[in-house]
């Protein structure tokens, strides 16, 4: 039964993964897609899957800035500082709940770091790394991508918005 559920979940997210692959091909960027069998909802697990340090893992956090959805991208070893984000944007910040994430068509641990069409803010510490590892649109499919491409493809804004764990 567990195997059948995994297959069903993978089928549901294949459109996001296909979209990610199309973007990589269309934009001719250097990136790698990796499928895995471990639920990638925790940065520590993604770090293990890819065999990289937590600072090279990114997490995409869905928030609402005055009710407008945004993706916030941080390193796996950092936490979002809501007060910094509110001060920088001048907007009320609300973290998305699981039902909000699902309503937007995403799954926790599977919010794609490219191709979502949501506005994005990337923490400036992410750019200290040449490559990062995040979700390709499924909790079971990851992507290795250059940080400069992550920012460019998403027309992302970059700010200091995190704090240490």
C-alpha atoms as a PDB file:
ATOM      1  CA  UNK A   1       0.000   0.000   0.000  1.00  0.00           C
ATOM      2  CA  UNK A   2       2.801   2.436   0.892  1.00  0.00           C
ATOM      3  CA  UNK A   3       4.422   1.896  -2.532  1.00  0.00           C
ATOM      4  CA  UNK A   4       1.109   2.657  -4.301  1.00  0.00           C
ATOM      5  CA  UNK A   5       0.780   5.914  -2.364  1.00  0.00           C
ATOM      6  CA  UNK A   6       4.320   6.927  -3.371  1.00  0.00           C
ATOM      7  CA  UNK A   7       3.508   6.281  -7.042  1.00  0.00           C
ATOM      8  CA  UNK A   8       0.302   8.344  -6.752  1.00  0.00           C
ATOM      9  CA  UNK A   9       2.160  11.241  -5.106  1.00  0.00           C
ATOM     10  CA  UNK A  10       4.863  11.161  -7.797  1.00  0.00           C
ATOM     11  CA  UNK A  11       2.240  11.240 -10.572  1.00  0.00           C
ATOM     12  CA  UNK A  12       0.526  14.263  -8.995  1.00  0.00           C
ATOM     13  CA  UNK A  13       3.743  16.277  -8.952  1.00  0.00           C
ATOM     14  CA  UNK A  14       5.085  15.257 -12.359  1.00  0.00           C
ATOM     15  CA  UNK A  15       3.693  18.409 -14.022  1.00  0.00           C
ATOM     16  CA  UNK A  16       5.842  20.610 -11.768  1.00  0.00           C
ATOM     17  CA  UNK A  17       8.868  18.412 -12.383  1.00  0.00           C
ATOM     18  CA  UNK A  18       8.243  18.436 -16.163  1.00  0.00           C
ATOM     19  CA  UNK A  19       7.925  22.214 -16.028  1.00  0.00           C
ATOM     20  CA  UNK A  20      11.234  22.464 -14.156  1.00  0.00           C
ATOM     21  CA  UNK A  21      12.922  20.262 -16.774  1.00  0.00           C
ATOM     22  CA  UNK A  22      11.471  22.371 -19.610  1.00  0.00           C
ATOM     23  CA  UNK A  23      12.761  25.569 -18.007  1.00  0.00           C
ATOM     24  CA  UNK A  24      16.247  24.075 -17.664  1.00  0.00           C
ATOM     25  CA  UNK A  25      16.253  23.063 -21.346  1.00  0.00           C
ATOM     26  CA  UNK A  26      14.680  26.282 -22.648  1.00  0.00           C
ATOM     27  CA  UNK A  27      16.967  28.581 -20.672  1.00  0.00           C
ATOM     28  CA  UNK A  28      20.006  26.363 -21.295  1.00  0.00           C
ATOM     29  CA  UNK A  29      21.075  26.514 -17.672  1.00  0.00           C
ATOM     30  CA  UNK A  30      23.439  24.174 -15.914  1.00  0.00           C
ATOM     31  CA  UNK A  31      21.280  22.214 -13.485  1.00  0.00           C
ATOM     32  CA  UNK A  32      20.710  18.618 -12.453  1.00  0.00           C
ATOM     33  CA  UNK A  33      17.490  16.828 -11.516  1.00  0.00           C
ATOM     34  CA  UNK A  34      17.650  13.940  -9.046  1.00  0.00           C
ATOM     35  CA  UNK A  35      14.799  11.616  -8.098  1.00  0.00           C
ATOM     36  CA  UNK A  36      14.919   9.960  -4.676  1.00  0.00           C
ATOM     37  CA  UNK A  37      12.750   7.814  -2.424  1.00  0.00           C
ATOM     38  CA  UNK A  38      13.020   9.879   0.748  1.00  0.00           C
ATOM     39  CA  UNK A  39      10.358  12.515   1.540  1.00  0.00           C
ATOM     40  CA  UNK A  40      12.264  15.797   1.138  1.00  0.00           C
ATOM     41  CA  UNK A  41      10.314  17.886   3.607  1.00  0.00           C
ATOM     42  CA  UNK A  42      13.232  18.536   5.970  1.00  0.00           C
ATOM     43  CA  UNK A  43      16.435  20.301   4.967  1.00  0.00           C
ATOM     44  CA  UNK A  44      18.470  17.721   6.893  1.00  0.00           C
ATOM     45  CA  UNK A  45      17.022  14.920   4.748  1.00  0.00           C
ATOM     46  CA  UNK A  46      17.780  16.821   1.527  1.00  0.00           C
ATOM     47  CA  UNK A  47      21.328  17.354   2.808  1.00  0.00           C
ATOM     48  CA  UNK A  48      21.669  13.577   3.291  1.00  0.00           C
ATOM     49  CA  UNK A  49      20.110  12.762  -0.097  1.00  0.00           C
ATOM     50  CA  UNK A  50      22.513  15.000  -2.004  1.00  0.00           C
ATOM     51  CA  UNK A  51      25.482  14.523   0.328  1.00  0.00           C
ATOM     52  CA  UNK A  52      25.934  18.274   0.823  1.00  0.00           C
ATOM     53  CA  UNK A  53      26.159  20.717   3.715  1.00  0.00           C
ATOM     54  CA  UNK A  54      22.926  22.311   4.988  1.00  0.00           C
ATOM     55  CA  UNK A  55      24.111  25.727   3.762  1.00  0.00           C
ATOM     56  CA  UNK A  56      23.836  24.329   0.206  1.00  0.00           C
ATOM     57  CA  UNK A  57      20.231  23.205   0.697  1.00  0.00           C
ATOM     58  CA  UNK A  58      17.471  25.727   0.087  1.00  0.00           C
ATOM     59  CA  UNK A  59      13.952  25.707   1.415  1.00  0.00           C
ATOM     60  CA  UNK A  60      11.096  27.451  -0.349  1.00  0.00           C
ATOM     61  CA  UNK A  61       8.673  28.909   2.178  1.00  0.00           C
ATOM     62  CA  UNK A  62       5.260  30.130   1.068  1.00  0.00           C
ATOM     63  CA  UNK A  63       4.198  33.346   2.810  1.00  0.00           C
ATOM     64  CA  UNK A  64       1.598  36.018   2.259  1.00  0.00           C
ATOM     65  CA  UNK A  65       2.663  39.669   2.199  1.00  0.00           C
ATOM     66  CA  UNK A  66      -0.573  41.607   2.717  1.00  0.00           C
ATOM     67  CA  UNK A  67      -2.424  38.564   1.307  1.00  0.00           C
ATOM     68  CA  UNK A  68      -0.175  38.331  -1.799  1.00  0.00           C
ATOM     69  CA  UNK A  69       1.618  34.960  -2.052  1.00  0.00           C
ATOM     70  CA  UNK A  70       5.421  35.029  -2.177  1.00  0.00           C
ATOM     71  CA  UNK A  71       8.083  32.352  -2.104  1.00  0.00           C
ATOM     72  CA  UNK A  72      10.868  32.974   0.361  1.00  0.00           C
ATOM     73  CA  UNK A  73      14.113  31.079  -0.243  1.00  0.00           C
ATOM     74  CA  UNK A  74      16.558  30.451   2.599  1.00  0.00           C
ATOM     75  CA  UNK A  75      19.464  28.138   3.273  1.00  0.00           C
ATOM     76  CA  UNK A  76      18.549  24.937   5.082  1.00  0.00           C
ATOM     77  CA  UNK A  77      20.481  25.990   8.177  1.00  0.00           C
ATOM     78  CA  UNK A  78      18.672  29.339   8.567  1.00  0.00           C
ATOM     79  CA  UNK A  79      15.281  30.520   9.824  1.00  0.00           C
ATOM     80  CA  UNK A  80      13.072  33.220   8.347  1.00  0.00           C
ATOM     81  CA  UNK A  81      13.092  36.409  10.417  1.00  0.00           C
ATOM     82  CA  UNK A  82       9.504  37.636  10.079  1.00  0.00           C
ATOM     83  CA  UNK A  83      10.292  41.027  11.613  1.00  0.00           C
ATOM     84  CA  UNK A  84      13.108  41.672   9.117  1.00  0.00           C
ATOM     85  CA  UNK A  85      10.832  40.677   6.237  1.00  0.00           C
ATOM     86  CA  UNK A  86       8.031  42.950   7.461  1.00  0.00           C
ATOM     87  CA  UNK A  87      10.447  45.853   7.897  1.00  0.00           C
ATOM     88  CA  UNK A  88      11.985  45.401   4.430  1.00  0.00           C
ATOM     89  CA  UNK A  89       8.680  44.967   2.579  1.00  0.00           C
ATOM     90  CA  UNK A  90       6.496  47.221   4.710  1.00  0.00           C
ATOM     91  CA  UNK A  91       3.839  44.499   4.543  1.00  0.00           C
ATOM     92  CA  UNK A  92       2.202  42.183   7.062  1.00  0.00           C
ATOM     93  CA  UNK A  93       3.765  38.718   6.805  1.00  0.00           C
ATOM     94  CA  UNK A  94       1.715  35.573   7.326  1.00  0.00           C
ATOM     95  CA  UNK A  95       3.202  32.102   7.023  1.00  0.00           C
ATOM     96  CA  UNK A  96       1.175  29.802   4.792  1.00  0.00           C
ATOM     97  CA  UNK A  97      -0.455  26.843   6.490  1.00  0.00           C
ATOM     98  CA  UNK A  98      -0.476  23.346   5.029  1.00  0.00           C
ATOM     99  CA  UNK A  99      -3.953  23.924   3.563  1.00  0.00           C
ATOM    100  CA  UNK A 100      -2.747  27.168   1.893  1.00  0.00           C
ATOM    101  CA  UNK A 101       0.187  25.324   0.342  1.00  0.00           C
ATOM    102  CA  UNK A 102      -2.116  22.588  -0.938  1.00  0.00           C
ATOM    103  CA  UNK A 103      -4.660  25.130  -2.243  1.00  0.00           C
ATOM    104  CA  UNK A 104      -1.879  26.762  -4.304  1.00  0.00           C
ATOM    105  CA  UNK A 105      -1.213  23.342  -5.866  1.00  0.00           C
ATOM    106  CA  UNK A 106       1.968  22.546  -3.947  1.00  0.00           C
ATOM    107  CA  UNK A 107       2.944  19.940  -1.392  1.00  0.00           C
ATOM    108  CA  UNK A 108       5.019  20.581   1.717  1.00  0.00           C
ATOM    109  CA  UNK A 109       8.607  19.717   0.788  1.00  0.00           C
ATOM    110  CA  UNK A 110       7.818  19.981  -2.918  1.00  0.00           C
ATOM    111  CA  UNK A 111       7.427  23.686  -3.659  1.00  0.00           C
ATOM    112  CA  UNK A 112       9.496  24.188  -6.825  1.00  0.00           C
ATOM    113  CA  UNK A 113      12.339  26.685  -6.585  1.00  0.00           C
ATOM    114  CA  UNK A 114      11.858  27.632 -10.259  1.00  0.00           C
ATOM    115  CA  UNK A 115       8.809  27.923 -12.481  1.00  0.00           C
ATOM    116  CA  UNK A 116       6.081  28.630  -9.918  1.00  0.00           C
ATOM    117  CA  UNK A 117       5.199  32.118 -11.244  1.00  0.00           C
ATOM    118  CA  UNK A 118       5.089  33.424  -7.672  1.00  0.00           C
ATOM    119  CA  UNK A 119       7.100  36.469  -6.677  1.00  0.00           C
ATOM    120  CA  UNK A 120      10.252  35.428  -4.870  1.00  0.00           C
ATOM    121  CA  UNK A 121      12.557  36.868  -2.251  1.00  0.00           C
ATOM    122  CA  UNK A 122      15.907  35.137  -1.707  1.00  0.00           C
ATOM    123  CA  UNK A 123      17.972  35.617   1.421  1.00  0.00           C
ATOM    124  CA  UNK A 124      21.316  37.202   0.538  1.00  0.00           C
ATOM    125  CA  UNK A 125      23.289  34.431   2.290  1.00  0.00           C
ATOM    126  CA  UNK A 126      22.065  31.966  -0.346  1.00  0.00           C
ATOM    127  CA  UNK A 127      24.168  33.831  -2.917  1.00  0.00           C
ATOM    128  CA  UNK A 128      27.382  33.028  -1.034  1.00  0.00           C
ATOM    129  CA  UNK A 129      27.123  29.520  -2.506  1.00  0.00           C
ATOM    130  CA  UNK A 130      27.716  28.790  -6.189  1.00  0.00           C
ATOM    131  CA  UNK A 131      25.157  25.958  -6.266  1.00  0.00           C
ATOM    132  CA  UNK A 132      22.167  25.083  -4.119  1.00  0.00           C
ATOM    133  CA  UNK A 133      19.897  22.060  -3.873  1.00  0.00           C
ATOM    134  CA  UNK A 134      16.128  22.461  -3.638  1.00  0.00           C
ATOM    135  CA  UNK A 135      12.841  21.001  -4.800  1.00  0.00           C
ATOM    136  CA  UNK A 136      12.117  20.493  -8.479  1.00  0.00           C
ATOM    137  CA  UNK A 137       8.374  20.422  -7.775  1.00  0.00           C
ATOM    138  CA  UNK A 138       7.999  17.186  -5.837  1.00  0.00           C
ATOM    139  CA  UNK A 139       9.088  16.102  -2.374  1.00  0.00           C
ATOM    140  CA  UNK A 140      10.779  13.215  -4.214  1.00  0.00           C
ATOM    141  CA  UNK A 141      12.606  15.176  -6.923  1.00  0.00           C
ATOM    142  CA  UNK A 142      15.384  17.648  -6.246  1.00  0.00           C
ATOM    143  CA  UNK A 143      17.363  20.106  -8.331  1.00  0.00           C
ATOM    144  CA  UNK A 144      20.944  21.312  -8.190  1.00  0.00           C
ATOM    145  CA  UNK A 145      21.042  24.845  -9.593  1.00  0.00           C
ATOM    146  CA  UNK A 146      23.436  27.786  -9.683  1.00  0.00           C
ATOM    147  CA  UNK A 147      22.323  30.523  -7.313  1.00  0.00           C
ATOM    148  CA  UNK A 148      22.662  33.170 -10.023  1.00  0.00           C
ATOM    149  CA  UNK A 149      20.255  31.163 -12.216  1.00  0.00           C
ATOM    150  CA  UNK A 150      17.816  30.737  -9.320  1.00  0.00           C
ATOM    151  CA  UNK A 151      17.634  34.508  -8.882  1.00  0.00           C
ATOM    152  CA  UNK A 152      17.546  35.275 -12.618  1.00  0.00           C
ATOM    153  CA  UNK A 153      14.861  32.729 -13.564  1.00  0.00           C
ATOM    154  CA  UNK A 154      12.569  33.958 -10.792  1.00  0.00           C
ATOM    155  CA  UNK A 155      13.347  37.675 -11.169  1.00  0.00           C
ATOM    156  CA  UNK A 156      13.875  37.378  -7.427  1.00  0.00           C
ATOM    157  CA  UNK A 157      14.632  40.181  -5.037  1.00  0.00           C
ATOM    158  CA  UNK A 158      17.535  39.605  -2.631  1.00  0.00           C
ATOM    159  CA  UNK A 159      17.532  40.809   0.993  1.00  0.00           C
ATOM    160  CA  UNK A 160      18.876  39.875   4.422  1.00  0.00           C
ATOM    161  CA  UNK A 161      15.773  38.145   5.807  1.00  0.00           C
ATOM    162  CA  UNK A 162      17.007  35.246   7.913  1.00  0.00           C
ATOM    163  CA  UNK A 163      18.460  34.402  11.285  1.00  0.00           C
ATOM    164  CA  UNK A 164      20.595  31.569  12.564  1.00  0.00           C
ATOM    165  CA  UNK A 165      18.977  28.333  13.721  1.00  0.00           C
END
